[in-house]
Full PDB file with SEQRES, HELIX, SHEET, SSBOND, CRYST1, ORIGX, SCALE, CONECT and MASTER records, all heavy atoms in Angstrom:
SEQRES   1 A   42  ASN PRO PHE LYS ILE SER GLU PHE THR PRO ILE VAL GLY          
SEQRES   2 A   42  LEU TYR ASN MET PRO LEU VAL MET VAL VAL LYS GLU ILE          
SEQRES   3 A   42  ARG ASN SER ASN THR ILE GLU GLU PHE ILE ASP PHE ALA          
SEQRES   4 A   42  LYS LYS ASN                                                  
HELIX    1 AA1 ILE A    5  GLU A    7  5                                   3    
HELIX    2 AA2 ILE A   32  LYS A   41  1                                  10    
CRYST1    1.000    1.000    1.000  90.00  90.00  90.00 P 1           1          
ORIGX1      1.000000  0.000000  0.000000        0.00000                         
ORIGX2      0.000000  1.000000  0.000000        0.00000                         
ORIGX3      0.000000  0.000000  1.000000        0.00000                         
SCALE1      1.000000  0.000000  0.000000        0.00000                         
SCALE2      0.000000  1.000000  0.000000        0.00000                         
SCALE3      0.000000  0.000000  1.000000        0.00000                         
ATOM      1  N   ASN A   1       0.821  -1.181  -0.014  1.00  0.00           N  
ATOM      2  CA  ASN A   1       0.029  -0.031  -0.007  1.00  0.00           C  
ATOM      3  C   ASN A   1       0.886   1.199   0.011  1.00  0.00           C  
ATOM      4  O   ASN A   1       1.926   1.279   0.626  1.00  0.00           O  
ATOM      5  CB  ASN A   1      -0.883   0.024   1.274  1.00  0.00           C  
ATOM      6  CG  ASN A   1      -2.290  -0.237   0.940  1.00  0.00           C  
ATOM      7  OD1 ASN A   1      -2.743  -0.223  -0.137  1.00  0.00           O  
ATOM      8  ND2 ASN A   1      -3.042  -0.587   1.960  1.00  0.00           N  
ATOM      9  N   PRO A   2       0.464   2.276  -0.666  1.00  0.00           N  
ATOM     10  CA  PRO A   2       1.271   3.581  -0.638  1.00  0.00           C  
ATOM     11  C   PRO A   2       1.161   4.285   0.701  1.00  0.00           C  
ATOM     12  O   PRO A   2       1.872   5.249   0.828  1.00  0.00           O  
ATOM     13  CB  PRO A   2       0.641   4.306  -1.775  1.00  0.00           C  
ATOM     14  CG  PRO A   2      -0.727   3.875  -1.906  1.00  0.00           C  
ATOM     15  CD  PRO A   2      -0.718   2.414  -1.532  1.00  0.00           C  
ATOM     16  N   PHE A   3       0.334   3.865   1.597  1.00  0.00           N  
ATOM     17  CA  PHE A   3       0.152   4.561   2.871  1.00  0.00           C  
ATOM     18  C   PHE A   3       0.268   3.551   3.967  1.00  0.00           C  
ATOM     19  O   PHE A   3       0.072   2.374   3.768  1.00  0.00           O  
ATOM     20  CB  PHE A   3      -1.219   5.282   2.941  1.00  0.00           C  
ATOM     21  CG  PHE A   3      -2.371   4.364   3.053  1.00  0.00           C  
ATOM     22  CD1 PHE A   3      -2.841   3.963   4.236  1.00  0.00           C  
ATOM     23  CD2 PHE A   3      -2.945   3.908   1.845  1.00  0.00           C  
ATOM     24  CE1 PHE A   3      -3.908   3.080   4.258  1.00  0.00           C  
ATOM     25  CE2 PHE A   3      -4.005   3.054   1.914  1.00  0.00           C  
ATOM     26  CZ  PHE A   3      -4.491   2.590   3.171  1.00  0.00           C  
ATOM     27  N   LYS A   4       0.553   4.026   5.159  1.00  0.00           N  
ATOM     28  CA  LYS A   4       0.619   3.209   6.325  1.00  0.00           C  
ATOM     29  C   LYS A   4      -0.460   3.745   7.349  1.00  0.00           C  
ATOM     30  O   LYS A   4      -0.604   4.909   7.449  1.00  0.00           O  
ATOM     31  CB  LYS A   4       2.000   3.237   6.997  1.00  0.00           C  
ATOM     32  CG  LYS A   4       3.107   2.840   6.082  1.00  0.00           C  
ATOM     33  CD  LYS A   4       3.077   1.346   5.803  1.00  0.00           C  
ATOM     34  CE  LYS A   4       4.213   0.941   4.873  1.00  0.00           C  
ATOM     35  NZ  LYS A   4       3.760   0.211   3.729  1.00  0.00           N  
ATOM     36  N   ILE A   5      -1.046   2.795   8.022  1.00  0.00           N  
ATOM     37  CA  ILE A   5      -2.110   3.298   9.031  1.00  0.00           C  
ATOM     38  C   ILE A   5      -1.434   4.132  10.100  1.00  0.00           C  
ATOM     39  O   ILE A   5      -2.146   5.001  10.620  1.00  0.00           O  
ATOM     40  CB  ILE A   5      -2.834   2.014   9.609  1.00  0.00           C  
ATOM     41  CG1 ILE A   5      -4.184   2.425  10.235  1.00  0.00           C  
ATOM     42  CG2 ILE A   5      -1.996   1.280  10.620  1.00  0.00           C  
ATOM     43  CD1 ILE A   5      -5.169   2.913   9.248  1.00  0.00           C  
ATOM     44  N   SER A   6      -0.161   3.957  10.395  1.00  0.00           N  
ATOM     45  CA  SER A   6       0.560   4.751  11.343  1.00  0.00           C  
ATOM     46  C   SER A   6       0.649   6.199  10.935  1.00  0.00           C  
ATOM     47  O   SER A   6       0.998   7.089  11.787  1.00  0.00           O  
ATOM     48  CB  SER A   6       1.858   4.198  11.657  1.00  0.00           C  
ATOM     49  OG  SER A   6       2.656   4.161  10.463  1.00  0.00           O  
ATOM     50  N   GLU A   7       0.331   6.527   9.662  1.00  0.00           N  
ATOM     51  CA  GLU A   7       0.412   7.957   9.223  1.00  0.00           C  
ATOM     52  C   GLU A   7      -0.858   8.735   9.705  1.00  0.00           C  
ATOM     53  O   GLU A   7      -0.847   9.950   9.481  1.00  0.00           O  
ATOM     54  CB  GLU A   7       0.485   7.961   7.702  1.00  0.00           C  
ATOM     55  CG  GLU A   7       1.796   7.401   7.132  1.00  0.00           C  
ATOM     56  CD  GLU A   7       1.800   7.387   5.653  1.00  0.00           C  
ATOM     57  OE1 GLU A   7       1.296   6.413   5.074  1.00  0.00           O  
ATOM     58  OE2 GLU A   7       2.345   8.340   5.066  1.00  0.00           O  
ATOM     59  N   PHE A   8      -1.798   8.081  10.293  1.00  0.00           N  
ATOM     60  CA  PHE A   8      -3.044   8.758  10.670  1.00  0.00           C  
ATOM     61  C   PHE A   8      -3.127   8.820  12.207  1.00  0.00           C  
ATOM     62  O   PHE A   8      -2.586   7.940  12.939  1.00  0.00           O  
ATOM     63  CB  PHE A   8      -4.231   7.971  10.171  1.00  0.00           C  
ATOM     64  CG  PHE A   8      -4.300   7.906   8.644  1.00  0.00           C  
ATOM     65  CD1 PHE A   8      -3.847   6.812   7.971  1.00  0.00           C  
ATOM     66  CD2 PHE A   8      -4.873   8.974   7.957  1.00  0.00           C  
ATOM     67  CE1 PHE A   8      -3.884   6.717   6.616  1.00  0.00           C  
ATOM     68  CE2 PHE A   8      -4.885   8.925   6.550  1.00  0.00           C  
ATOM     69  CZ  PHE A   8      -4.416   7.825   5.878  1.00  0.00           C  
ATOM     70  N   THR A   9      -3.776   9.872  12.647  1.00  0.00           N  
ATOM     71  CA  THR A   9      -4.001  10.039  14.109  1.00  0.00           C  
ATOM     72  C   THR A   9      -5.523  10.005  14.282  1.00  0.00           C  
ATOM     73  O   THR A   9      -6.203  10.823  13.810  1.00  0.00           O  
ATOM     74  CB  THR A   9      -3.516  11.409  14.570  1.00  0.00           C  
ATOM     75  OG1 THR A   9      -2.089  11.485  14.342  1.00  0.00           O  
ATOM     76  CG2 THR A   9      -3.756  11.586  16.060  1.00  0.00           C  
ATOM     77  N   PRO A  10      -5.969   8.983  14.981  1.00  0.00           N  
ATOM     78  CA  PRO A  10      -7.438   8.902  15.280  1.00  0.00           C  
ATOM     79  C   PRO A  10      -7.894  10.068  16.138  1.00  0.00           C  
ATOM     80  O   PRO A  10      -7.173  10.338  17.094  1.00  0.00           O  
ATOM     81  CB  PRO A  10      -7.635   7.553  15.940  1.00  0.00           C  
ATOM     82  CG  PRO A  10      -6.254   6.861  15.943  1.00  0.00           C  
ATOM     83  CD  PRO A  10      -5.280   7.843  15.609  1.00  0.00           C  
ATOM     84  N   ILE A  11      -9.013  10.713  15.780  1.00  0.00           N  
ATOM     85  CA  ILE A  11      -9.403  11.816  16.594  1.00  0.00           C  
ATOM     86  C   ILE A  11     -10.786  11.557  17.257  1.00  0.00           C  
ATOM     87  O   ILE A  11     -11.044  12.054  18.302  1.00  0.00           O  
ATOM     88  CB  ILE A  11      -9.419  13.126  15.816  1.00  0.00           C  
ATOM     89  CG1 ILE A  11     -10.247  13.129  14.534  1.00  0.00           C  
ATOM     90  CG2 ILE A  11      -8.001  13.573  15.539  1.00  0.00           C  
ATOM     91  CD1 ILE A  11     -10.370  14.386  13.839  1.00  0.00           C  
ATOM     92  N   VAL A  12     -11.635  10.747  16.594  1.00  0.00           N  
ATOM     93  CA  VAL A  12     -12.940  10.495  17.105  1.00  0.00           C  
ATOM     94  C   VAL A  12     -13.581   9.254  16.428  1.00  0.00           C  
ATOM     95  O   VAL A  12     -13.375   9.085  15.251  1.00  0.00           O  
ATOM     96  CB  VAL A  12     -13.860  11.691  17.073  1.00  0.00           C  
ATOM     97  CG1 VAL A  12     -14.219  12.028  15.579  1.00  0.00           C  
ATOM     98  CG2 VAL A  12     -15.125  11.518  17.882  1.00  0.00           C  
ATOM     99  N   GLY A  13     -14.222   8.468  17.166  1.00  0.00           N  
ATOM    100  CA  GLY A  13     -15.070   7.360  16.590  1.00  0.00           C  
ATOM    101  C   GLY A  13     -16.368   7.993  16.156  1.00  0.00           C  
ATOM    102  O   GLY A  13     -17.007   8.668  16.979  1.00  0.00           O  
ATOM    103  N   LEU A  14     -16.727   7.882  14.915  1.00  0.00           N  
ATOM    104  CA  LEU A  14     -17.932   8.555  14.410  1.00  0.00           C  
ATOM    105  C   LEU A  14     -19.239   7.654  14.505  1.00  0.00           C  
ATOM    106  O   LEU A  14     -20.273   8.180  14.850  1.00  0.00           O  
ATOM    107  CB  LEU A  14     -17.741   8.951  12.944  1.00  0.00           C  
ATOM    108  CG  LEU A  14     -16.696   9.939  12.661  1.00  0.00           C  
ATOM    109  CD1 LEU A  14     -16.539  10.203  11.146  1.00  0.00           C  
ATOM    110  CD2 LEU A  14     -17.006  11.264  13.425  1.00  0.00           C  
ATOM    111  N   TYR A  15     -19.069   6.383  14.245  1.00  0.00           N  
ATOM    112  CA  TYR A  15     -20.255   5.544  14.209  1.00  0.00           C  
ATOM    113  C   TYR A  15     -19.800   4.049  14.172  1.00  0.00           C  
ATOM    114  O   TYR A  15     -18.630   3.824  13.812  1.00  0.00           O  
ATOM    115  CB  TYR A  15     -21.104   5.850  13.032  1.00  0.00           C  
ATOM    116  CG  TYR A  15     -20.444   5.967  11.699  1.00  0.00           C  
ATOM    117  CD1 TYR A  15     -20.077   4.826  10.974  1.00  0.00           C  
ATOM    118  CD2 TYR A  15     -20.047   7.179  11.228  1.00  0.00           C  
ATOM    119  CE1 TYR A  15     -19.413   4.881   9.785  1.00  0.00           C  
ATOM    120  CE2 TYR A  15     -19.368   7.256   9.999  1.00  0.00           C  
ATOM    121  CZ  TYR A  15     -19.076   6.120   9.324  1.00  0.00           C  
ATOM    122  OH  TYR A  15     -18.338   6.218   8.160  1.00  0.00           O  
ATOM    123  N   ASN A  16     -20.644   3.121  14.525  1.00  0.00           N  
ATOM    124  CA  ASN A  16     -20.389   1.766  14.340  1.00  0.00           C  
ATOM    125  C   ASN A  16     -21.315   1.179  13.214  1.00  0.00           C  
ATOM    126  O   ASN A  16     -22.443   1.453  13.218  1.00  0.00           O  
ATOM    127  CB  ASN A  16     -20.675   1.008  15.645  1.00  0.00           C  
ATOM    128  CG  ASN A  16     -19.722   1.356  16.725  1.00  0.00           C  
ATOM    129  OD1 ASN A  16     -18.547   1.409  16.477  1.00  0.00           O  
ATOM    130  ND2 ASN A  16     -20.180   1.551  17.972  1.00  0.00           N  
ATOM    131  N   MET A  17     -20.723   0.409  12.350  1.00  0.00           N  
ATOM    132  CA  MET A  17     -21.468  -0.249  11.335  1.00  0.00           C  
ATOM    133  C   MET A  17     -21.277  -1.734  11.406  1.00  0.00           C  
ATOM    134  O   MET A  17     -20.155  -2.219  11.306  1.00  0.00           O  
ATOM    135  CB  MET A  17     -21.024   0.272   9.942  1.00  0.00           C  
ATOM    136  CG  MET A  17     -21.232   1.743   9.730  1.00  0.00           C  
ATOM    137  SD  MET A  17     -20.576   2.344   8.142  1.00  0.00           S  
ATOM    138  CE  MET A  17     -21.873   1.954   7.046  1.00  0.00           C  
ATOM    139  N   PRO A  18     -22.327  -2.403  11.659  1.00  0.00           N  
ATOM    140  CA  PRO A  18     -22.185  -3.902  11.814  1.00  0.00           C  
ATOM    141  C   PRO A  18     -21.812  -4.525  10.469  1.00  0.00           C  
ATOM    142  O   PRO A  18     -22.248  -4.084   9.427  1.00  0.00           O  
ATOM    143  CB  PRO A  18     -23.525  -4.349  12.257  1.00  0.00           C  
ATOM    144  CG  PRO A  18     -24.468  -3.283  11.843  1.00  0.00           C  
ATOM    145  CD  PRO A  18     -23.758  -2.024  11.823  1.00  0.00           C  
ATOM    146  N   LEU A  19     -20.971  -5.519  10.500  1.00  0.00           N  
ATOM    147  CA  LEU A  19     -20.644  -6.277   9.386  1.00  0.00           C  
ATOM    148  C   LEU A  19     -21.285  -7.717   9.512  1.00  0.00           C  
ATOM    149  O   LEU A  19     -21.264  -8.306  10.564  1.00  0.00           O  
ATOM    150  CB  LEU A  19     -19.126  -6.467   9.311  1.00  0.00           C  
ATOM    151  CG  LEU A  19     -18.327  -5.194   9.209  1.00  0.00           C  
ATOM    152  CD1 LEU A  19     -16.853  -5.433   9.222  1.00  0.00           C  
ATOM    153  CD2 LEU A  19     -18.721  -4.463   7.946  1.00  0.00           C  
ATOM    154  N   VAL A  20     -21.811  -8.177   8.403  1.00  0.00           N  
ATOM    155  CA  VAL A  20     -22.542  -9.396   8.437  1.00  0.00           C  
ATOM    156  C   VAL A  20     -21.980 -10.286   7.331  1.00  0.00           C  
ATOM    157  O   VAL A  20     -21.799  -9.850   6.224  1.00  0.00           O  
ATOM    158  CB  VAL A  20     -24.046  -9.191   8.165  1.00  0.00           C  
ATOM    159  CG1 VAL A  20     -24.775 -10.524   8.130  1.00  0.00           C  
ATOM    160  CG2 VAL A  20     -24.618  -8.276   9.277  1.00  0.00           C  
ATOM    161  N   MET A  21     -21.712 -11.530   7.622  1.00  0.00           N  
ATOM    162  CA  MET A  21     -21.216 -12.446   6.643  1.00  0.00           C  
ATOM    163  C   MET A  21     -22.440 -13.289   6.190  1.00  0.00           C  
ATOM    164  O   MET A  21     -23.205 -13.833   6.964  1.00  0.00           O  
ATOM    165  CB  MET A  21     -20.202 -13.376   7.198  1.00  0.00           C  
ATOM    166  CG  MET A  21     -19.655 -14.322   6.195  1.00  0.00           C  
ATOM    167  SD  MET A  21     -18.353 -15.300   6.902  1.00  0.00           S  
ATOM    168  CE  MET A  21     -18.609 -16.867   6.136  1.00  0.00           C  
ATOM    169  N   VAL A  22     -22.707 -13.310   4.870  1.00  0.00           N  
ATOM    170  CA  VAL A  22     -23.783 -14.129   4.376  1.00  0.00           C  
ATOM    171  C   VAL A  22     -23.230 -15.061   3.289  1.00  0.00           C  
ATOM    172  O   VAL A  22     -22.211 -14.765   2.670  1.00  0.00           O  
ATOM    173  CB  VAL A  22     -24.910 -13.224   3.781  1.00  0.00           C  
ATOM    174  CG1 VAL A  22     -25.537 -12.362   4.803  1.00  0.00           C  
ATOM    175  CG2 VAL A  22     -24.370 -12.370   2.641  1.00  0.00           C  
ATOM    176  N   VAL A  23     -23.954 -16.109   3.110  1.00  0.00           N  
ATOM    177  CA  VAL A  23     -23.549 -17.115   2.141  1.00  0.00           C  
ATOM    178  C   VAL A  23     -24.829 -17.720   1.471  1.00  0.00           C  
ATOM    179  O   VAL A  23     -25.833 -17.729   2.195  1.00  0.00           O  
ATOM    180  CB  VAL A  23     -22.635 -18.235   2.749  1.00  0.00           C  
ATOM    181  CG1 VAL A  23     -23.412 -18.984   3.791  1.00  0.00           C  
ATOM    182  CG2 VAL A  23     -22.050 -19.129   1.679  1.00  0.00           C  
ATOM    183  N   LYS A  24     -24.711 -18.050   0.234  1.00  0.00           N  
ATOM    184  CA  LYS A  24     -25.915 -18.716  -0.369  1.00  0.00           C  
ATOM    185  C   LYS A  24     -26.200 -19.981   0.459  1.00  0.00           C  
ATOM    186  O   LYS A  24     -25.311 -20.637   0.972  1.00  0.00           O  
ATOM    187  CB  LYS A  24     -25.557 -19.092  -1.786  1.00  0.00           C  
ATOM    188  CG  LYS A  24     -26.722 -19.596  -2.567  1.00  0.00           C  
ATOM    189  CD  LYS A  24     -26.371 -19.848  -4.042  1.00  0.00           C  
ATOM    190  CE  LYS A  24     -27.625 -20.403  -4.752  1.00  0.00           C  
ATOM    191  NZ  LYS A  24     -27.339 -20.615  -6.164  1.00  0.00           N  
ATOM    192  N   GLU A  25     -27.458 -20.299   0.553  1.00  0.00           N  
ATOM    193  CA  GLU A  25     -27.920 -21.411   1.355  1.00  0.00           C  
ATOM    194  C   GLU A  25     -27.065 -22.676   1.036  1.00  0.00           C  
ATOM    195  O   GLU A  25     -26.945 -23.115  -0.055  1.00  0.00           O  
ATOM    196  CB  GLU A  25     -29.336 -21.650   1.131  1.00  0.00           C  
ATOM    197  CG  GLU A  25     -29.874 -22.685   2.056  1.00  0.00           C  
ATOM    198  CD  GLU A  25     -31.465 -22.901   1.882  1.00  0.00           C  
ATOM    199  OE1 GLU A  25     -32.063 -22.066   1.249  1.00  0.00           O  
ATOM    200  OE2 GLU A  25     -31.908 -23.922   2.352  1.00  0.00           O  
ATOM    201  N   ILE A  26     -26.468 -23.196   2.127  1.00  0.00           N  
ATOM    202  CA  ILE A  26     -25.632 -24.406   2.055  1.00  0.00           C  
ATOM    203  C   ILE A  26     -26.249 -25.344   3.057  1.00  0.00           C  
ATOM    204  O   ILE A  26     -26.457 -24.991   4.230  1.00  0.00           O  
ATOM    205  CB  ILE A  26     -24.163 -24.158   2.350  1.00  0.00           C  
ATOM    206  CG1 ILE A  26     -23.599 -23.211   1.257  1.00  0.00           C  
ATOM    207  CG2 ILE A  26     -23.390 -25.455   2.359  1.00  0.00           C  
ATOM    208  CD1 ILE A  26     -22.145 -22.829   1.535  1.00  0.00           C  
ATOM    209  N   ARG A  27     -26.474 -26.599   2.660  1.00  0.00           N  
ATOM    210  CA  ARG A  27     -26.928 -27.584   3.611  1.00  0.00           C  
ATOM    211  C   ARG A  27     -26.149 -27.734   4.843  1.00  0.00           C  
ATOM    212  O   ARG A  27     -24.914 -27.674   4.761  1.00  0.00           O  
ATOM    213  CB  ARG A  27     -27.023 -28.990   2.919  1.00  0.00           C  
ATOM    214  CG  ARG A  27     -28.295 -29.338   2.348  1.00  0.00           C  
ATOM    215  CD  ARG A  27     -28.193 -30.760   1.816  1.00  0.00           C  
ATOM    216  NE  ARG A  27     -26.833 -30.852   1.090  1.00  0.00           N  
ATOM    217  CZ  ARG A  27     -26.553 -31.864   0.334  1.00  0.00           C  
ATOM    218  NH1 ARG A  27     -27.362 -32.886   0.164  1.00  0.00           N  
ATOM    219  NH2 ARG A  27     -25.421 -31.857  -0.242  1.00  0.00           N  
ATOM    220  N   ASN A  28     -26.732 -27.828   5.972  1.00  0.00           N  
ATOM    221  CA  ASN A  28     -26.034 -27.997   7.219  1.00  0.00           C  
ATOM    222  C   ASN A  28     -24.970 -26.977   7.586  1.00  0.00           C  
ATOM    223  O   ASN A  28     -23.920 -27.299   8.092  1.00  0.00           O  
ATOM    224  CB  ASN A  28     -25.447 -29.412   7.262  1.00  0.00           C  
ATOM    225  CG  ASN A  28     -26.474 -30.469   7.041  1.00  0.00           C  
ATOM    226  OD1 ASN A  28     -27.574 -30.360   7.567  1.00  0.00           O  
ATOM    227  ND2 ASN A  28     -26.160 -31.559   6.356  1.00  0.00           N  
ATOM    228  N   SER A  29     -25.218 -25.732   7.157  1.00  0.00           N  
ATOM    229  CA  SER A  29     -24.269 -24.699   7.379  1.00  0.00           C  
ATOM    230  C   SER A  29     -25.037 -23.440   7.924  1.00  0.00           C  
ATOM    231  O   SER A  29     -25.383 -22.584   7.176  1.00  0.00           O  
ATOM    232  CB  SER A  29     -23.505 -24.337   6.191  1.00  0.00           C  
ATOM    233  OG  SER A  29     -22.527 -23.368   6.416  1.00  0.00           O  
ATOM    234  N   ASN A  30     -25.223 -23.421   9.264  1.00  0.00           N  
ATOM    235  CA  ASN A  30     -25.972 -22.337   9.930  1.00  0.00           C  
ATOM    236  C   ASN A  30     -25.147 -21.438  10.744  1.00  0.00           C  
ATOM    237  O   ASN A  30     -25.551 -20.369  11.254  1.00  0.00           O  
ATOM    238  CB  ASN A  30     -27.125 -22.842  10.698  1.00  0.00           C  
ATOM    239  CG  ASN A  30     -28.148 -23.579   9.773  1.00  0.00           C  
ATOM    240  OD1 ASN A  30     -28.553 -22.962   8.790  1.00  0.00           O  
ATOM    241  ND2 ASN A  30     -28.505 -24.807  10.058  1.00  0.00           N  
ATOM    242  N   THR A  31     -23.869 -21.847  10.987  1.00  0.00           N  
ATOM    243  CA  THR A  31     -22.954 -20.975  11.807  1.00  0.00           C  
ATOM    244  C   THR A  31     -21.622 -20.893  11.046  1.00  0.00           C  
ATOM    245  O   THR A  31     -21.386 -21.643  10.058  1.00  0.00           O  
ATOM    246  CB  THR A  31     -22.632 -21.694  13.125  1.00  0.00           C  
ATOM    247  OG1 THR A  31     -21.919 -22.887  12.929  1.00  0.00           O  
ATOM    248  CG2 THR A  31     -23.973 -22.004  13.961  1.00  0.00           C  
ATOM    249  N   ILE A  32     -20.782 -19.996  11.482  1.00  0.00           N  
ATOM    250  CA  ILE A  32     -19.521 -19.792  10.849  1.00  0.00           C  
ATOM    251  C   ILE A  32     -18.645 -21.078  11.000  1.00  0.00           C  
ATOM    252  O   ILE A  32     -18.001 -21.503  10.017  1.00  0.00           O  
ATOM    253  CB  ILE A  32     -18.770 -18.577  11.397  1.00  0.00           C  
ATOM    254  CG1 ILE A  32     -17.455 -18.267  10.569  1.00  0.00           C  
ATOM    255  CG2 ILE A  32     -18.435 -18.691  12.827  1.00  0.00           C  
ATOM    256  CD1 ILE A  32     -17.713 -17.847   9.139  1.00  0.00           C  
ATOM    257  N   GLU A  33     -18.773 -21.772  12.122  1.00  0.00           N  
ATOM    258  CA  GLU A  33     -18.027 -22.976  12.278  1.00  0.00           C  
ATOM    259  C   GLU A  33     -18.447 -24.069  11.318  1.00  0.00           C  
ATOM    260  O   GLU A  33     -17.588 -24.766  10.757  1.00  0.00           O  
ATOM    261  CB  GLU A  33     -18.149 -23.441  13.772  1.00  0.00           C  
ATOM    262  CG  GLU A  33     -17.531 -22.605  14.798  1.00  0.00           C  
ATOM    263  CD  GLU A  33     -18.383 -21.381  15.218  1.00  0.00           C  
ATOM    264  OE1 GLU A  33     -19.531 -21.284  14.790  1.00  0.00           O  
ATOM    265  OE2 GLU A  33     -17.777 -20.455  15.883  1.00  0.00           O  
ATOM    266  N   GLU A  34     -19.766 -24.166  11.127  1.00  0.00           N  
ATOM    267  CA  GLU A  34     -20.280 -25.161  10.169  1.00  0.00           C  
ATOM    268  C   GLU A  34     -19.878 -24.852   8.812  1.00  0.00           C  
ATOM    269  O   GLU A  34     -19.562 -25.691   7.986  1.00  0.00           O  
ATOM    270  CB  GLU A  34     -21.781 -25.283  10.315  1.00  0.00           C  
ATOM    271  CG  GLU A  34     -22.291 -25.872  11.574  1.00  0.00           C  
ATOM    272  CD  GLU A  34     -23.821 -25.785  11.720  1.00  0.00           C  
ATOM    273  OE1 GLU A  34     -24.467 -25.125  10.937  1.00  0.00           O  
ATOM    274  OE2 GLU A  34     -24.283 -26.384  12.774  1.00  0.00           O  
ATOM    275  N   PHE A  35     -19.845 -23.514   8.473  1.00  0.00           N  
ATOM    276  CA  PHE A  35     -19.457 -23.153   7.128  1.00  0.00           C  
ATOM    277  C   PHE A  35     -17.988 -23.423   6.893  1.00  0.00           C  
ATOM    278  O   PHE A  35     -17.620 -23.970   5.784  1.00  0.00           O  
ATOM    279  CB  PHE A  35     -19.735 -21.610   6.905  1.00  0.00           C  
ATOM    280  CG  PHE A  35     -19.122 -21.112   5.561  1.00  0.00           C  
ATOM    281  CD1 PHE A  35     -19.787 -21.460   4.390  1.00  0.00           C  
ATOM    282  CD2 PHE A  35     -17.961 -20.386   5.558  1.00  0.00           C  
ATOM    283  CE1 PHE A  35     -19.235 -21.060   3.134  1.00  0.00           C  
ATOM    284  CE2 PHE A  35     -17.443 -19.966   4.339  1.00  0.00           C  
ATOM    285  CZ  PHE A  35     -18.050 -20.316   3.161  1.00  0.00           C  
ATOM    286  N   ILE A  36     -17.144 -23.172   7.826  1.00  0.00           N  
ATOM    287  CA  ILE A  36     -15.659 -23.449   7.698  1.00  0.00           C  
ATOM    288  C   ILE A  36     -15.433 -24.895   7.560  1.00  0.00           C  
ATOM    289  O   ILE A  36     -14.638 -25.324   6.718  1.00  0.00           O  
ATOM    290  CB  ILE A  36     -14.896 -22.877   8.858  1.00  0.00           C  
ATOM    291  CG1 ILE A  36     -14.950 -21.310   8.831  1.00  0.00           C  
ATOM    292  CG2 ILE A  36     -13.474 -23.411   8.901  1.00  0.00           C  
ATOM    293  CD1 ILE A  36     -14.382 -20.589  10.077  1.00  0.00           C  
ATOM    294  N   ASP A  37     -16.160 -25.684   8.304  1.00  0.00           N  
ATOM    295  CA  ASP A  37     -16.085 -27.177   8.221  1.00  0.00           C  
ATOM    296  C   ASP A  37     -16.496 -27.598   6.801  1.00  0.00           C  
ATOM    297  O   ASP A  37     -15.762 -28.410   6.135  1.00  0.00           O  
ATOM    298  CB  ASP A  37     -16.911 -27.871   9.298  1.00  0.00           C  
ATOM    299  CG  ASP A  37     -16.714 -29.349   9.310  1.00  0.00           C  
ATOM    300  OD1 ASP A  37     -15.556 -29.822   9.409  1.00  0.00           O  
ATOM    301  OD2 ASP A  37     -17.773 -30.048   9.318  1.00  0.00           O  
ATOM    302  N   PHE A  38     -17.569 -27.119   6.328  1.00  0.00           N  
ATOM    303  CA  PHE A  38     -18.104 -27.479   4.971  1.00  0.00           C  
ATOM    304  C   PHE A  38     -17.075 -27.015   3.939  1.00  0.00           C  
ATOM    305  O   PHE A  38     -16.827 -27.740   3.020  1.00  0.00           O  
ATOM    306  CB  PHE A  38     -19.422 -26.795   4.737  1.00  0.00           C  
ATOM    307  CG  PHE A  38     -19.978 -26.915   3.339  1.00  0.00           C  
ATOM    308  CD1 PHE A  38     -20.709 -28.029   2.955  1.00  0.00           C  
ATOM    309  CD2 PHE A  38     -19.671 -26.005   2.371  1.00  0.00           C  
ATOM    310  CE1 PHE A  38     -21.170 -28.236   1.660  1.00  0.00           C  
ATOM    311  CE2 PHE A  38     -20.166 -26.127   1.048  1.00  0.00           C  
ATOM    312  CZ  PHE A  38     -20.866 -27.295   0.752  1.00  0.00           C  
ATOM    313  N   ALA A  39     -16.519 -25.838   4.048  1.00  0.00           N  
ATOM    314  CA  ALA A  39     -15.602 -25.332   3.040  1.00  0.00           C  
ATOM    315  C   ALA A  39     -14.336 -26.200   3.047  1.00  0.00           C  
ATOM    316  O   ALA A  39     -13.825 -26.506   1.965  1.00  0.00           O  
ATOM    317  CB  ALA A  39     -15.218 -23.864   3.424  1.00  0.00           C  
ATOM    318  N   LYS A  40     -13.841 -26.601   4.184  1.00  0.00           N  
ATOM    319  CA  LYS A  40     -12.625 -27.443   4.271  1.00  0.00           C  
ATOM    320  C   LYS A  40     -12.882 -28.801   3.604  1.00  0.00           C  
ATOM    321  O   LYS A  40     -12.093 -29.359   2.870  1.00  0.00           O  
ATOM    322  CB  LYS A  40     -12.168 -27.710   5.741  1.00  0.00           C  
ATOM    323  CG  LYS A  40     -11.471 -26.418   6.296  1.00  0.00           C  
ATOM    324  CD  LYS A  40     -11.106 -26.682   7.710  1.00  0.00           C  
ATOM    325  CE  LYS A  40     -10.477 -25.434   8.327  1.00  0.00           C  
ATOM    326  NZ  LYS A  40     -10.077 -25.698   9.757  1.00  0.00           N  
ATOM    327  N   LYS A  41     -14.056 -29.434   3.936  1.00  0.00           N  
ATOM    328  CA  LYS A  41     -14.387 -30.706   3.389  1.00  0.00           C  
ATOM    329  C   LYS A  41     -14.624 -30.664   1.886  1.00  0.00           C  
ATOM    330  O   LYS A  41     -14.400 -31.701   1.210  1.00  0.00           O  
ATOM    331  CB  LYS A  41     -15.598 -31.267   4.100  1.00  0.00           C  
ATOM    332  CG  LYS A  41     -15.339 -31.663   5.510  1.00  0.00           C  
ATOM    333  CD  LYS A  41     -16.621 -32.191   6.145  1.00  0.00           C  
ATOM    334  CE  LYS A  41     -16.355 -32.527   7.623  1.00  0.00           C  
ATOM    335  NZ  LYS A  41     -17.595 -32.895   8.363  1.00  0.00           N  
ATOM    336  N   ASN A  42     -15.064 -29.530   1.382  1.00  0.00           N  
ATOM    337  CA  ASN A  42     -15.404 -29.392  -0.050  1.00  0.00           C  
ATOM    338  C   ASN A  42     -14.434 -28.603  -0.826  1.00  0.00           C  
ATOM    339  O   ASN A  42     -14.772 -28.167  -1.958  1.00  0.00           O  
ATOM    340  CB  ASN A  42     -16.832 -28.857  -0.207  1.00  0.00           C  
ATOM    341  CG  ASN A  42     -17.863 -29.840   0.358  1.00  0.00           C  
ATOM    342  OD1 ASN A  42     -18.233 -30.811  -0.339  1.00  0.00           O  
ATOM    343  ND2 ASN A  42     -18.333 -29.652   1.611  1.00  0.00           N  
TER     344      ASN A  42                                                      
MASTER        0    0    0    2    0    0    0    6  343    1    0    4          
END                                                                             
């Protein structure tokens, strides 16, 4: 990257934005752990 995060000085937290992981419906995969297991096996 042409910049480093250390070049910035945080001054204020403005807001929180939740991040959500979604995946197309996969059999027997309702949690992140089940998805990782499925991904490794397949």
